[in-house]
Amino acid sequence: MKLDILAFGAHPDDVELSAAGVLISHINHGYKCGIVDLTRGELGTRGDADTRDREAAAAAQIMGISVRENLGMDDGFFTNDKEHQLEIVKMIRKYQPEIILCNAESDRHPDHGRASGLVSNSVFLAGLPKVETSFEEQDQKAWKVKSVYHYIQDRFLKPDVVVDISLHWDQKMDAIQAYKTQFYQPGAKGPQTAISTKEGLEFLAGRSAEMGRPAGFKYAEGFTVERYNLH
């Protein structure tokens, strides 16, 4: 299945938090979008890998994602090396996206910046014919991605581009709250984290409003640009 947009996230919920609105908007306009999660989020304070798998599947259904895969890398400990790069290259060549979305280049969680560099390096390698990969015993051809955008996460980074997601805000929030063990649920028990409180959801709304205000949008998602569009 060829995709128009392929979004990578270090953890399940990274994409939902920072780029779900853009994916939903494009899906509503007929584009095919997919998500590849690098890890199962097994080090998360609340829930576990199995619950996160189920939550990620539910969120994908809410967004209308065409395909979602998980590479099963070690949460907190994956590295930007040849072994991990080739796993990303295989996904890029498998789905042949025009656009890639990926983690912020710098962020509070060290996995985010590391995932950003890993995907960025892999995008370059995916376009080199002499980098050989195969998937399901079939040799893969090189694929050059046209554009790479890094979504903005916990730390504020000045965006190079913002996208209006005002019409899709409620659907984005539904996708986020599919992660019931992660985010605020009235009456839920368990240890509190920075994202499990009501204030955590309010922060998301405030950040999206902040991104949108200079452009006159109620809510927006912001991105920094690494590879400019080659269309």
C-alpha atoms as a PDB file:
ATOM      1  CA  MET A   1       0.000   0.000   0.000  1.00  0.00           C
ATOM      2  CA  LYS A   2       1.477   3.310  -1.061  1.00  0.00           C
ATOM      3  CA  LEU A   3       0.897   6.119   1.426  1.00  0.00           C
ATOM      4  CA  ASP A   4       0.831   9.865   0.935  1.00  0.00           C
ATOM      5  CA  ILE A   5       1.960  10.619   4.500  1.00  0.00           C
ATOM      6  CA  LEU A   6       3.807   8.338   6.900  1.00  0.00           C
ATOM      7  CA  ALA A   7       4.147   9.520  10.501  1.00  0.00           C
ATOM      8  CA  PHE A   8       6.764   8.060  12.832  1.00  0.00           C
ATOM      9  CA  GLY A   9       6.574   8.268  16.617  1.00  0.00           C
ATOM     10  CA  ALA A  10       9.020   7.119  19.268  1.00  0.00           C
ATOM     11  CA  HIS A  11       6.038   6.020  21.358  1.00  0.00           C
ATOM     12  CA  PRO A  12       2.385   5.243  20.708  1.00  0.00           C
ATOM     13  CA  ASP A  13       0.558   8.571  21.337  1.00  0.00           C
ATOM     14  CA  ASP A  14       3.395  10.821  20.088  1.00  0.00           C
ATOM     15  CA  VAL A  15       1.711  11.237  16.712  1.00  0.00           C
ATOM     16  CA  GLU A  16      -1.743  11.730  18.216  1.00  0.00           C
ATOM     17  CA  LEU A  17      -0.529  14.442  20.563  1.00  0.00           C
ATOM     18  CA  SER A  18       1.265  16.524  17.954  1.00  0.00           C
ATOM     19  CA  ALA A  19       0.119  15.606  14.444  1.00  0.00           C
ATOM     20  CA  ALA A  20      -3.277  13.864  14.603  1.00  0.00           C
ATOM     21  CA  GLY A  21      -5.104  16.929  13.329  1.00  0.00           C
ATOM     22  CA  VAL A  22      -2.986  17.116  10.185  1.00  0.00           C
ATOM     23  CA  LEU A  23      -3.469  13.409   9.492  1.00  0.00           C
ATOM     24  CA  ILE A  24      -7.228  13.604  10.047  1.00  0.00           C
ATOM     25  CA  SER A  25      -7.496  16.627   7.762  1.00  0.00           C
ATOM     26  CA  HIS A  26      -5.615  14.901   4.956  1.00  0.00           C
ATOM     27  CA  ILE A  27      -7.540  11.660   5.385  1.00  0.00           C
ATOM     28  CA  ASN A  28     -10.790  13.610   5.067  1.00  0.00           C
ATOM     29  CA  HIS A  29      -9.474  14.942   1.745  1.00  0.00           C
ATOM     30  CA  GLY A  30      -8.784  11.459   0.414  1.00  0.00           C
ATOM     31  CA  TYR A  31      -5.114  11.026   1.264  1.00  0.00           C
ATOM     32  CA  LYS A  32      -3.755   7.741   2.613  1.00  0.00           C
ATOM     33  CA  CYS A  33      -1.892   8.114   5.897  1.00  0.00           C
ATOM     34  CA  GLY A  34      -0.086   5.656   8.136  1.00  0.00           C
ATOM     35  CA  ILE A  35       1.755   5.542  11.455  1.00  0.00           C
ATOM     36  CA  VAL A  36       4.839   3.589  12.487  1.00  0.00           C
ATOM     37  CA  ASP A  37       5.539   3.518  16.238  1.00  0.00           C
ATOM     38  CA  LEU A  38       9.135   2.703  17.105  1.00  0.00           C
ATOM     39  CA  THR A  39       8.429   1.278  20.580  1.00  0.00           C
ATOM     40  CA  ARG A  40       5.462  -0.093  22.500  1.00  0.00           C
ATOM     41  CA  GLY A  41       5.846   2.555  25.224  1.00  0.00           C
ATOM     42  CA  GLU A  42       6.624  -0.140  27.778  1.00  0.00           C
ATOM     43  CA  LEU A  43       8.416   2.238  30.148  1.00  0.00           C
ATOM     44  CA  GLY A  44       5.365   4.459  30.574  1.00  0.00           C
ATOM     45  CA  THR A  45       4.367   5.015  34.203  1.00  0.00           C
ATOM     46  CA  ARG A  46       0.731   4.098  33.589  1.00  0.00           C
ATOM     47  CA  GLY A  47      -0.479   1.032  31.696  1.00  0.00           C
ATOM     48  CA  ASP A  48       1.768  -1.458  29.953  1.00  0.00           C
ATOM     49  CA  ALA A  49       2.784  -2.535  26.467  1.00  0.00           C
ATOM     50  CA  ASP A  50      -0.333  -4.647  25.914  1.00  0.00           C
ATOM     51  CA  THR A  51      -2.750  -1.902  26.925  1.00  0.00           C
ATOM     52  CA  ARG A  52      -0.801   0.562  24.785  1.00  0.00           C
ATOM     53  CA  ASP A  53      -1.165  -1.746  21.777  1.00  0.00           C
ATOM     54  CA  ARG A  54      -4.931  -1.767  22.224  1.00  0.00           C
ATOM     55  CA  GLU A  55      -5.085   1.982  22.790  1.00  0.00           C
ATOM     56  CA  ALA A  56      -2.984   2.671  19.684  1.00  0.00           C
ATOM     57  CA  ALA A  57      -5.301   0.514  17.576  1.00  0.00           C
ATOM     58  CA  ALA A  58      -8.350   2.347  18.917  1.00  0.00           C
ATOM     59  CA  ALA A  59      -6.777   5.740  18.216  1.00  0.00           C
ATOM     60  CA  ALA A  60      -5.882   4.695  14.666  1.00  0.00           C
ATOM     61  CA  GLN A  61      -9.496   3.707  14.034  1.00  0.00           C
ATOM     62  CA  ILE A  62     -10.736   7.058  15.325  1.00  0.00           C
ATOM     63  CA  MET A  63      -8.357   8.918  13.004  1.00  0.00           C
ATOM     64  CA  GLY A  64      -9.072   6.708   9.994  1.00  0.00           C
ATOM     65  CA  ILE A  65      -5.452   5.647   9.552  1.00  0.00           C
ATOM     66  CA  SER A  66      -4.861   3.200   6.668  1.00  0.00           C
ATOM     67  CA  VAL A  67      -2.115   1.250   8.424  1.00  0.00           C
ATOM     68  CA  ARG A  68      -0.302   1.273  11.772  1.00  0.00           C
ATOM     69  CA  GLU A  69       2.805  -0.747  12.586  1.00  0.00           C
ATOM     70  CA  ASN A  70       5.027  -1.086  15.632  1.00  0.00           C
ATOM     71  CA  LEU A  71       8.721  -1.910  15.242  1.00  0.00           C
ATOM     72  CA  GLY A  72       9.130  -3.146  18.819  1.00  0.00           C
ATOM     73  CA  MET A  73      12.317  -1.206  19.535  1.00  0.00           C
ATOM     74  CA  ASP A  74      13.382  -0.865  23.181  1.00  0.00           C
ATOM     75  CA  ASP A  75      11.605   2.041  24.841  1.00  0.00           C
ATOM     76  CA  GLY A  76      14.227   4.355  26.318  1.00  0.00           C
ATOM     77  CA  PHE A  77      17.167   2.431  24.881  1.00  0.00           C
ATOM     78  CA  PHE A  78      16.914   2.274  21.090  1.00  0.00           C
ATOM     79  CA  THR A  79      19.862   3.828  19.287  1.00  0.00           C
ATOM     80  CA  ASN A  80      20.555   5.581  16.011  1.00  0.00           C
ATOM     81  CA  ASP A  81      22.678   2.852  14.458  1.00  0.00           C
ATOM     82  CA  LYS A  82      22.718   0.733  11.308  1.00  0.00           C
ATOM     83  CA  GLU A  83      20.418  -1.962  12.683  1.00  0.00           C
ATOM     84  CA  HIS A  84      17.682   0.483  13.656  1.00  0.00           C
ATOM     85  CA  GLN A  85      18.155   2.656  10.570  1.00  0.00           C
ATOM     86  CA  LEU A  86      17.557  -0.302   8.271  1.00  0.00           C
ATOM     87  CA  GLU A  87      14.282  -1.086  10.044  1.00  0.00           C
ATOM     88  CA  ILE A  88      13.091   2.457   9.284  1.00  0.00           C
ATOM     89  CA  VAL A  89      14.385   2.254   5.711  1.00  0.00           C
ATOM     90  CA  LYS A  90      12.286  -0.889   5.177  1.00  0.00           C
ATOM     91  CA  MET A  91       9.141   0.951   6.300  1.00  0.00           C
ATOM     92  CA  ILE A  92       9.858   3.934   4.054  1.00  0.00           C
ATOM     93  CA  ARG A  93      10.432   1.710   1.043  1.00  0.00           C
ATOM     94  CA  LYS A  94       7.424  -0.451   1.867  1.00  0.00           C
ATOM     95  CA  TYR A  95       4.972   2.449   1.965  1.00  0.00           C
ATOM     96  CA  GLN A  96       6.730   4.940  -0.359  1.00  0.00           C
ATOM     97  CA  PRO A  97       5.356   8.105   1.276  1.00  0.00           C
ATOM     98  CA  GLU A  98       5.660  11.526  -0.301  1.00  0.00           C
ATOM     99  CA  ILE A  99       5.795  13.178   3.128  1.00  0.00           C
ATOM    100  CA  ILE A 100       7.183  11.990   6.444  1.00  0.00           C
ATOM    101  CA  LEU A 101       6.255  13.394   9.849  1.00  0.00           C
ATOM    102  CA  CYS A 102       8.471  12.586  12.811  1.00  0.00           C
ATOM    103  CA  ASN A 103       9.421  13.571  16.342  1.00  0.00           C
ATOM    104  CA  ALA A 104      10.766  16.961  17.404  1.00  0.00           C
ATOM    105  CA  GLU A 105      14.479  17.422  16.837  1.00  0.00           C
ATOM    106  CA  SER A 106      14.881  18.402  20.509  1.00  0.00           C
ATOM    107  CA  ASP A 107      12.504  17.682  23.364  1.00  0.00           C
ATOM    108  CA  ARG A 108      12.163  16.888  27.082  1.00  0.00           C
ATOM    109  CA  HIS A 109      11.985  13.134  26.503  1.00  0.00           C
ATOM    110  CA  PRO A 110      15.358  11.915  25.158  1.00  0.00           C
ATOM    111  CA  ASP A 111      13.644   9.316  22.964  1.00  0.00           C
ATOM    112  CA  HIS A 112      12.018  12.085  20.931  1.00  0.00           C
ATOM    113  CA  GLY A 113      15.201  13.756  19.735  1.00  0.00           C
ATOM    114  CA  ARG A 114      16.856  10.379  19.202  1.00  0.00           C
ATOM    115  CA  ALA A 115      13.901   9.156  17.122  1.00  0.00           C
ATOM    116  CA  SER A 116      14.022  12.367  15.125  1.00  0.00           C
ATOM    117  CA  GLY A 117      17.652  11.794  14.177  1.00  0.00           C
ATOM    118  CA  LEU A 118      17.055   8.107  13.492  1.00  0.00           C
ATOM    119  CA  VAL A 119      14.210   8.789  11.069  1.00  0.00           C
ATOM    120  CA  SER A 120      16.076  11.679   9.434  1.00  0.00           C
ATOM    121  CA  ASN A 121      19.151   9.537   8.770  1.00  0.00           C
ATOM    122  CA  SER A 122      16.956   6.714   7.495  1.00  0.00           C
ATOM    123  CA  VAL A 123      15.129   8.984   5.036  1.00  0.00           C
ATOM    124  CA  PHE A 124      18.473   9.759   3.411  1.00  0.00           C
ATOM    125  CA  LEU A 125      19.532   6.117   3.346  1.00  0.00           C
ATOM    126  CA  ALA A 126      16.191   4.983   1.897  1.00  0.00           C
ATOM    127  CA  GLY A 127      16.987   6.941  -1.264  1.00  0.00           C
ATOM    128  CA  LEU A 128      20.340   5.258  -1.879  1.00  0.00           C
ATOM    129  CA  PRO A 129      20.138   2.310  -4.326  1.00  0.00           C
ATOM    130  CA  LYS A 130      23.264   0.709  -2.850  1.00  0.00           C
ATOM    131  CA  VAL A 131      21.602   0.393   0.575  1.00  0.00           C
ATOM    132  CA  GLU A 132      20.008  -3.009   0.120  1.00  0.00           C
ATOM    133  CA  THR A 133      16.910  -4.094   2.041  1.00  0.00           C
ATOM    134  CA  SER A 134      14.239  -6.714   1.630  1.00  0.00           C
ATOM    135  CA  PHE A 135      10.797  -7.150   3.121  1.00  0.00           C
ATOM    136  CA  GLU A 136       9.013 -10.495   3.274  1.00  0.00           C
ATOM    137  CA  GLU A 137      11.778 -11.968   1.076  1.00  0.00           C
ATOM    138  CA  GLN A 138      11.238  -9.348  -1.631  1.00  0.00           C
ATOM    139  CA  ASP A 139      14.057  -6.950  -2.531  1.00  0.00           C
ATOM    140  CA  GLN A 140      13.068  -3.331  -2.043  1.00  0.00           C
ATOM    141  CA  LYS A 141      13.796  -0.418  -4.352  1.00  0.00           C
ATOM    142  CA  ALA A 142      15.236   2.897  -3.205  1.00  0.00           C
ATOM    143  CA  TRP A 143      12.645   5.562  -2.396  1.00  0.00           C
ATOM    144  CA  LYS A 144      13.219   9.313  -2.123  1.00  0.00           C
ATOM    145  CA  VAL A 145      10.887  11.143   0.254  1.00  0.00           C
ATOM    146  CA  LYS A 146       9.920  14.619  -0.925  1.00  0.00           C
ATOM    147  CA  SER A 147       9.410  16.370   2.436  1.00  0.00           C
ATOM    148  CA  VAL A 148      10.179  15.782   6.108  1.00  0.00           C
ATOM    149  CA  TYR A 149       8.404  17.696   8.890  1.00  0.00           C
ATOM    150  CA  HIS A 150       9.180  17.465  12.603  1.00  0.00           C
ATOM    151  CA  TYR A 151       6.126  17.946  14.805  1.00  0.00           C
ATOM    152  CA  ILE A 152       6.497  20.087  17.929  1.00  0.00           C
ATOM    153  CA  GLN A 153       6.034  18.289  21.246  1.00  0.00           C
ATOM    154  CA  ASP A 154       6.559  19.215  24.897  1.00  0.00           C
ATOM    155  CA  ARG A 155       9.149  21.960  24.438  1.00  0.00           C
ATOM    156  CA  PHE A 156       8.052  25.027  22.529  1.00  0.00           C
ATOM    157  CA  LEU A 157       9.924  25.398  19.251  1.00  0.00           C
ATOM    158  CA  LYS A 158       9.167  28.172  16.800  1.00  0.00           C
ATOM    159  CA  PRO A 159       7.346  26.458  13.919  1.00  0.00           C
ATOM    160  CA  ASP A 160       8.310  26.919  10.295  1.00  0.00           C
ATOM    161  CA  VAL A 161       4.765  26.048   9.277  1.00  0.00           C
ATOM    162  CA  VAL A 162       1.435  25.699  11.075  1.00  0.00           C
ATOM    163  CA  VAL A 163      -1.624  23.817   9.862  1.00  0.00           C
ATOM    164  CA  ASP A 164      -5.193  24.714  10.767  1.00  0.00           C
ATOM    165  CA  ILE A 165      -6.826  21.821  12.633  1.00  0.00           C
ATOM    166  CA  SER A 166      -9.756  23.743  14.107  1.00  0.00           C
ATOM    167  CA  LEU A 167     -12.372  21.615  12.345  1.00  0.00           C
ATOM    168  CA  HIS A 168     -10.703  18.429  13.538  1.00  0.00           C
ATOM    169  CA  TRP A 169      -9.959  19.337  17.155  1.00  0.00           C
ATOM    170  CA  ASP A 170     -12.647  17.166  18.717  1.00  0.00           C
ATOM    171  CA  GLN A 171     -11.636  14.131  16.663  1.00  0.00           C
ATOM    172  CA  LYS A 172      -7.984  14.688  17.588  1.00  0.00           C
ATOM    173  CA  MET A 173      -8.908  14.796  21.270  1.00  0.00           C
ATOM    174  CA  ASP A 174     -10.965  11.622  20.903  1.00  0.00           C
ATOM    175  CA  ALA A 175      -7.885   9.909  19.456  1.00  0.00           C
ATOM    176  CA  ILE A 176      -5.717  11.145  22.326  1.00  0.00           C
ATOM    177  CA  GLN A 177      -8.204  10.021  24.948  1.00  0.00           C
ATOM    178  CA  ALA A 178      -8.279   6.555  23.406  1.00  0.00           C
ATOM    179  CA  TYR A 179      -5.144   6.154  25.520  1.00  0.00           C
ATOM    180  CA  LYS A 180      -7.239   5.696  28.620  1.00  0.00           C
ATOM    181  CA  THR A 181      -4.332   4.643  30.834  1.00  0.00           C
ATOM    182  CA  GLN A 182      -2.271   7.652  29.783  1.00  0.00           C
ATOM    183  CA  PHE A 183      -4.526  10.676  29.876  1.00  0.00           C
ATOM    184  CA  TYR A 184      -7.048  12.227  32.204  1.00  0.00           C
ATOM    185  CA  GLN A 185     -10.119  10.147  32.950  1.00  0.00           C
ATOM    186  CA  PRO A 186     -12.448  11.322  35.754  1.00  0.00           C
ATOM    187  CA  GLY A 187     -12.176   8.970  38.717  1.00  0.00           C
ATOM    188  CA  ALA A 188      -9.243   7.014  37.303  1.00  0.00           C
ATOM    189  CA  LYS A 189      -6.736   5.668  39.817  1.00  0.00           C
ATOM    190  CA  GLY A 190      -2.983   5.276  39.551  1.00  0.00           C
ATOM    191  CA  PRO A 191       0.134   7.448  39.773  1.00  0.00           C
ATOM    192  CA  GLN A 192      -0.172  10.954  38.383  1.00  0.00           C
ATOM    193  CA  THR A 193       2.061  12.045  35.541  1.00  0.00           C
ATOM    194  CA  ALA A 194       2.523  15.272  33.613  1.00  0.00           C
ATOM    195  CA  ILE A 195      -0.045  14.132  31.027  1.00  0.00           C
ATOM    196  CA  SER A 196      -2.553  12.280  33.195  1.00  0.00           C
ATOM    197  CA  THR A 197      -4.152  15.352  34.789  1.00  0.00           C
ATOM    198  CA  LYS A 198      -6.922  17.601  33.540  1.00  0.00           C
ATOM    199  CA  GLU A 199      -4.318  20.357  33.335  1.00  0.00           C
ATOM    200  CA  GLY A 200      -2.379  18.208  30.897  1.00  0.00           C
ATOM    201  CA  LEU A 201      -5.276  18.282  28.450  1.00  0.00           C
ATOM    202  CA  GLU A 202      -5.664  22.018  29.001  1.00  0.00           C
ATOM    203  CA  PHE A 203      -2.001  22.450  28.100  1.00  0.00           C
ATOM    204  CA  LEU A 204      -2.597  20.693  24.774  1.00  0.00           C
ATOM    205  CA  ALA A 205      -5.443  23.051  23.958  1.00  0.00           C
ATOM    206  CA  GLY A 206      -3.359  26.054  24.962  1.00  0.00           C
ATOM    207  CA  ARG A 207      -0.402  24.942  22.856  1.00  0.00           C
ATOM    208  CA  SER A 208      -2.590  24.407  19.783  1.00  0.00           C
ATOM    209  CA  ALA A 209      -4.248  27.780  20.303  1.00  0.00           C
ATOM    210  CA  GLU A 210      -0.821  29.396  20.628  1.00  0.00           C
ATOM    211  CA  MET A 211       0.306  27.794  17.376  1.00  0.00           C
ATOM    212  CA  GLY A 212      -2.804  28.934  15.572  1.00  0.00           C
ATOM    213  CA  ARG A 213      -3.169  32.487  16.819  1.00  0.00           C
ATOM    214  CA  PRO A 214      -0.548  34.212  14.580  1.00  0.00           C
ATOM    215  CA  ALA A 215      -2.220  32.685  11.520  1.00  0.00           C
ATOM    216  CA  GLY A 216      -5.762  33.423  12.680  1.00  0.00           C
ATOM    217  CA  PHE A 217      -6.632  29.784  13.415  1.00  0.00           C
ATOM    218  CA  LYS A 218      -8.428  28.621  16.547  1.00  0.00           C
ATOM    219  CA  TYR A 219      -6.244  25.513  16.771  1.00  0.00           C
ATOM    220  CA  ALA A 220      -3.149  24.519  14.811  1.00  0.00           C
ATOM    221  CA  GLU A 221      -0.320  22.020  14.825  1.00  0.00           C
ATOM    222  CA  GLY A 222       3.183  23.310  14.244  1.00  0.00           C
ATOM    223  CA  PHE A 223       6.141  21.779  12.458  1.00  0.00           C
ATOM    224  CA  THR A 224       9.762  22.543  11.795  1.00  0.00           C
ATOM    225  CA  VAL A 225      10.999  21.802   8.307  1.00  0.00           C
ATOM    226  CA  GLU A 226      14.051  19.721   7.486  1.00  0.00           C
ATOM    227  CA  ARG A 227      13.466  18.856   3.838  1.00  0.00           C
ATOM    228  CA  TYR A 228      11.524  21.369   1.794  1.00  0.00           C
ATOM    229  CA  ASN A 229       8.776  20.221  -0.507  1.00  0.00           C
ATOM    230  CA  LEU A 230      10.189  19.216  -3.885  1.00  0.00           C
ATOM    231  CA  HIS A 231       6.919  19.298  -5.840  1.00  0.00           C
END
